[in-house]
Amino acid sequence: MIYQEPGGEYTKGDFVRLKMIAERCEGSVLDVGCGTGKLKEFLPITCKYTGIDPNPHENCDIGDVYHLNYGYHSFDTVTLLEVLEHLEHPLDALKAIKFITKKKLIISVPNPYNLDQIASVLHNKTNIDNPNHIALFGDNEIRSLCSNAGFDGPIISIQFYTKIPGINWLSPIRSCFGEWSIYEVLV
């Protein structure tokens, strides 16, 4: 599910992130947990888009991340955008995704080490709490999960979209303290 502001509006950072993800997609694309299927609007015309979500919209079909009804290596690119942190069994989901992925998996998750989180811990001595997030994933956790799921290719990590109060006109800025992390996992 692509992150949206509480009113359902996409932010400038969402569009930058979707564009960055779409540029990494190729061939047949399965967008797991696609929400409204917004990624489809950013994909190159050479990509063939399929979206699945437990609550489907017009751009996708109903689907379950643990039981993907597709054959071996059915999709060149599989995306898992803002989904992993909501799953009770992320390793099982990645194993199911590994089976259908031919070339690459693209994962996007909130960065647990972003500036907002660090400031909250330092100022309030508490973590930012999102009741819908079961777990948070940093680089080590993503690499371990992907390895345990059978992905043995290289993993490219990108953190970005740092909000700087007072100078948001500079946003989004790529940073290891950014709000989001994107991982391109090659098969």
Protein backbone atom coordinates (compact mmCIF):
# COMPACT_ATOMS: atom_id res chain seq x y z
CA MET A 1 0.00 0.00 0.00
CA ILE A 2 1.42 3.33 -0.99
CA TYR A 3 1.51 5.76 1.93
CA GLN A 4 -1.04 8.52 1.75
CA GLU A 5 -1.70 11.49 3.96
CA PRO A 6 -4.66 10.98 6.36
CA GLY A 7 -7.04 12.68 3.89
CA GLY A 8 -6.03 10.26 1.13
CA GLU A 9 -3.80 12.76 -0.65
CA TYR A 10 -0.45 11.76 -2.05
CA THR A 11 2.51 13.91 -1.00
CA LYS A 12 5.33 15.24 -3.18
CA GLY A 13 7.55 12.59 -1.62
CA ASP A 14 5.10 9.84 -2.64
CA PHE A 15 5.28 10.93 -6.28
CA VAL A 16 9.08 11.12 -6.22
CA ARG A 17 9.26 7.67 -4.63
CA LEU A 18 6.80 6.14 -7.11
CA LYS A 19 8.70 7.65 -10.03
CA MET A 20 11.99 6.30 -8.67
CA ILE A 21 10.49 2.84 -8.19
CA ALA A 22 8.86 2.86 -11.64
CA GLU A 23 12.19 3.67 -13.29
CA ARG A 24 13.58 0.44 -11.81
CA CYS A 25 10.69 -1.70 -13.10
CA GLU A 26 10.93 -3.67 -16.32
CA GLY A 27 8.83 -6.13 -18.30
CA SER A 28 5.86 -7.69 -16.56
CA VAL A 29 5.24 -6.06 -13.17
CA LEU A 30 3.24 -7.46 -10.25
CA ASP A 31 2.42 -4.80 -7.65
CA VAL A 32 1.65 -6.75 -4.45
CA GLY A 33 -0.48 -4.78 -2.00
CA CYS A 34 -1.06 -2.16 -4.69
CA GLY A 35 -3.76 -0.15 -2.93
CA THR A 36 -5.22 2.09 -5.63
CA GLY A 37 -2.63 0.99 -8.20
CA LYS A 38 -1.00 4.43 -8.39
CA LEU A 39 2.34 2.90 -9.46
CA LYS A 40 0.80 2.02 -12.84
CA GLU A 41 0.68 5.73 -13.78
CA PHE A 42 4.46 6.04 -13.46
CA LEU A 43 5.59 2.87 -15.24
CA PRO A 44 7.26 2.98 -18.66
CA ILE A 45 4.87 2.08 -21.48
CA THR A 46 6.94 -1.07 -22.08
CA CYS A 47 5.82 -2.52 -18.73
CA LYS A 48 2.77 -4.75 -18.38
CA TYR A 49 1.12 -3.98 -15.00
CA THR A 50 -0.79 -6.35 -12.72
CA GLY A 51 -1.85 -5.24 -9.26
CA ILE A 52 -3.22 -7.30 -6.38
CA ASP A 53 -4.58 -6.17 -3.04
CA PRO A 54 -6.86 -7.62 -0.33
CA ASN A 55 -9.15 -4.61 -1.00
CA PRO A 56 -9.01 -4.26 -4.79
CA HIS A 57 -9.76 -1.11 -6.79
CA GLU A 58 -10.18 -0.58 -10.53
CA ASN A 59 -6.44 -1.01 -11.26
CA CYS A 60 -6.06 -4.34 -9.45
CA ASP A 61 -7.45 -7.73 -8.57
CA ILE A 62 -8.07 -9.32 -5.21
CA GLY A 63 -4.98 -11.13 -3.94
CA ASP A 64 -3.15 -12.47 -0.92
CA VAL A 65 0.61 -11.95 -0.48
CA TYR A 66 0.98 -15.39 1.11
CA HIS A 67 -0.85 -17.28 -1.66
CA LEU A 68 0.09 -15.84 -5.02
CA ASN A 69 -1.71 -17.76 -7.76
CA TYR A 70 0.95 -17.37 -10.42
CA GLY A 71 3.45 -19.79 -11.91
CA TYR A 72 7.20 -19.99 -11.46
CA HIS A 73 8.98 -16.82 -12.66
CA SER A 74 5.70 -15.26 -13.87
CA PHE A 75 6.84 -11.64 -13.44
CA ASP A 76 10.04 -9.84 -14.38
CA THR A 77 9.55 -7.32 -11.56
CA VAL A 78 7.55 -7.68 -8.34
CA THR A 79 6.96 -4.65 -6.12
CA LEU A 80 6.13 -4.75 -2.41
CA LEU A 81 5.60 -1.11 -1.47
CA GLU A 82 4.79 -0.22 2.15
CA VAL A 83 3.46 -3.72 2.79
CA LEU A 84 6.19 -5.65 4.61
CA GLU A 85 5.84 -3.71 7.88
CA HIS A 86 2.15 -4.72 8.05
CA LEU A 87 2.71 -8.48 7.73
CA GLU A 88 2.69 -10.99 10.58
CA HIS A 89 4.84 -13.42 8.57
CA PRO A 90 7.09 -11.39 6.25
CA LEU A 91 9.43 -14.32 5.53
CA ASP A 92 6.53 -16.45 4.26
CA ALA A 93 5.44 -13.59 2.00
CA LEU A 94 8.95 -13.17 0.58
CA LYS A 95 9.21 -16.92 -0.09
CA ALA A 96 5.95 -16.79 -2.06
CA ILE A 97 7.22 -13.74 -3.96
CA LYS A 98 10.58 -15.40 -4.70
CA PHE A 99 8.79 -18.20 -6.53
CA ILE A 100 7.07 -15.86 -9.00
CA THR A 101 9.92 -13.33 -9.45
CA LYS A 102 12.04 -13.70 -12.58
CA LYS A 103 14.45 -10.73 -12.37
CA LYS A 104 13.92 -8.40 -9.40
CA LEU A 105 11.90 -7.53 -6.33
CA ILE A 106 11.51 -3.90 -5.28
CA ILE A 107 10.66 -3.30 -1.62
CA SER A 108 9.76 0.04 -0.07
CA VAL A 109 9.44 0.39 3.73
CA PRO A 110 9.49 3.22 6.25
CA ASN A 111 13.04 3.87 7.44
CA PRO A 112 13.20 3.21 11.21
CA TYR A 113 16.18 5.57 11.45
CA ASN A 114 14.57 8.63 9.86
CA LEU A 115 15.04 12.10 11.30
CA ASP A 116 11.46 12.30 12.65
CA GLN A 117 11.96 9.03 14.54
CA ILE A 118 15.34 10.08 15.96
CA ALA A 119 13.98 13.48 17.04
CA SER A 120 11.01 11.83 18.73
CA VAL A 121 13.25 9.49 20.71
CA LEU A 122 15.59 12.33 21.73
CA HIS A 123 12.86 14.83 22.58
CA ASN A 124 10.01 12.67 23.87
CA LYS A 125 11.99 9.56 24.74
CA THR A 126 9.41 7.55 22.80
CA ASN A 127 9.27 5.98 19.36
CA ILE A 128 6.81 7.21 16.78
CA ASP A 129 4.05 4.68 17.06
CA ASN A 130 2.02 3.50 14.08
CA PRO A 131 -0.47 0.88 15.29
CA ASN A 132 -0.68 -0.61 11.79
CA HIS A 133 3.04 -1.44 11.70
CA ILE A 134 3.87 -4.84 13.13
CA ALA A 135 7.62 -4.46 12.60
CA LEU A 136 10.15 -1.98 11.26
CA PHE A 137 12.94 -3.01 8.91
CA GLY A 138 16.42 -1.56 8.52
CA ASP A 139 19.05 -2.69 6.03
CA ASN A 140 20.19 -5.69 8.09
CA GLU A 141 16.66 -6.99 8.59
CA ILE A 142 15.79 -6.64 4.89
CA ARG A 143 19.01 -8.35 3.80
CA SER A 144 18.46 -11.20 6.28
CA LEU A 145 14.82 -11.70 5.28
CA CYS A 146 15.64 -11.71 1.57
CA SER A 147 18.51 -14.14 2.06
CA ASN A 148 16.35 -16.48 4.16
CA ALA A 149 13.63 -16.32 1.48
CA GLY A 150 16.13 -17.52 -1.15
CA PHE A 151 17.05 -14.26 -2.87
CA ASP A 152 20.78 -14.63 -3.46
CA GLY A 153 21.45 -11.74 -5.85
CA PRO A 154 22.74 -8.31 -4.87
CA ILE A 155 20.54 -5.90 -2.91
CA ILE A 156 20.72 -2.21 -3.77
CA SER A 157 19.59 0.06 -0.92
CA ILE A 158 18.33 3.64 -1.29
CA GLN A 159 17.09 5.80 1.57
CA PHE A 160 15.55 9.13 0.75
CA TYR A 161 13.07 11.91 1.35
CA THR A 162 14.37 13.82 4.32
CA LYS A 163 12.02 16.55 5.47
CA ILE A 164 13.88 19.60 6.71
CA PRO A 165 11.61 22.00 8.64
CA GLY A 166 11.53 25.49 7.21
CA ILE A 167 13.12 24.54 3.91
CA ASN A 168 10.70 21.95 2.52
CA TRP A 169 11.22 23.47 -0.93
CA LEU A 170 14.46 21.43 -0.95
CA SER A 171 12.60 18.19 -0.29
CA PRO A 172 12.87 15.43 -1.23
CA ILE A 173 16.53 14.96 -0.43
CA ARG A 174 18.20 11.54 -0.57
CA SER A 175 19.62 10.65 2.82
CA CYS A 176 20.31 7.68 5.07
CA PHE A 177 18.04 9.51 7.54
CA GLY A 178 15.20 9.74 5.04
CA GLU A 179 11.62 8.77 5.65
CA TRP A 180 11.62 5.81 3.25
CA SER A 181 13.97 3.00 2.23
CA ILE A 182 13.82 1.33 -1.17
CA TYR A 183 15.53 -1.97 -1.89
CA GLU A 184 16.10 -3.45 -5.34
CA VAL A 185 16.64 -7.17 -4.82
CA LEU A 186 18.01 -9.00 -7.84
CA VAL A 187 17.23 -12.67 -8.35
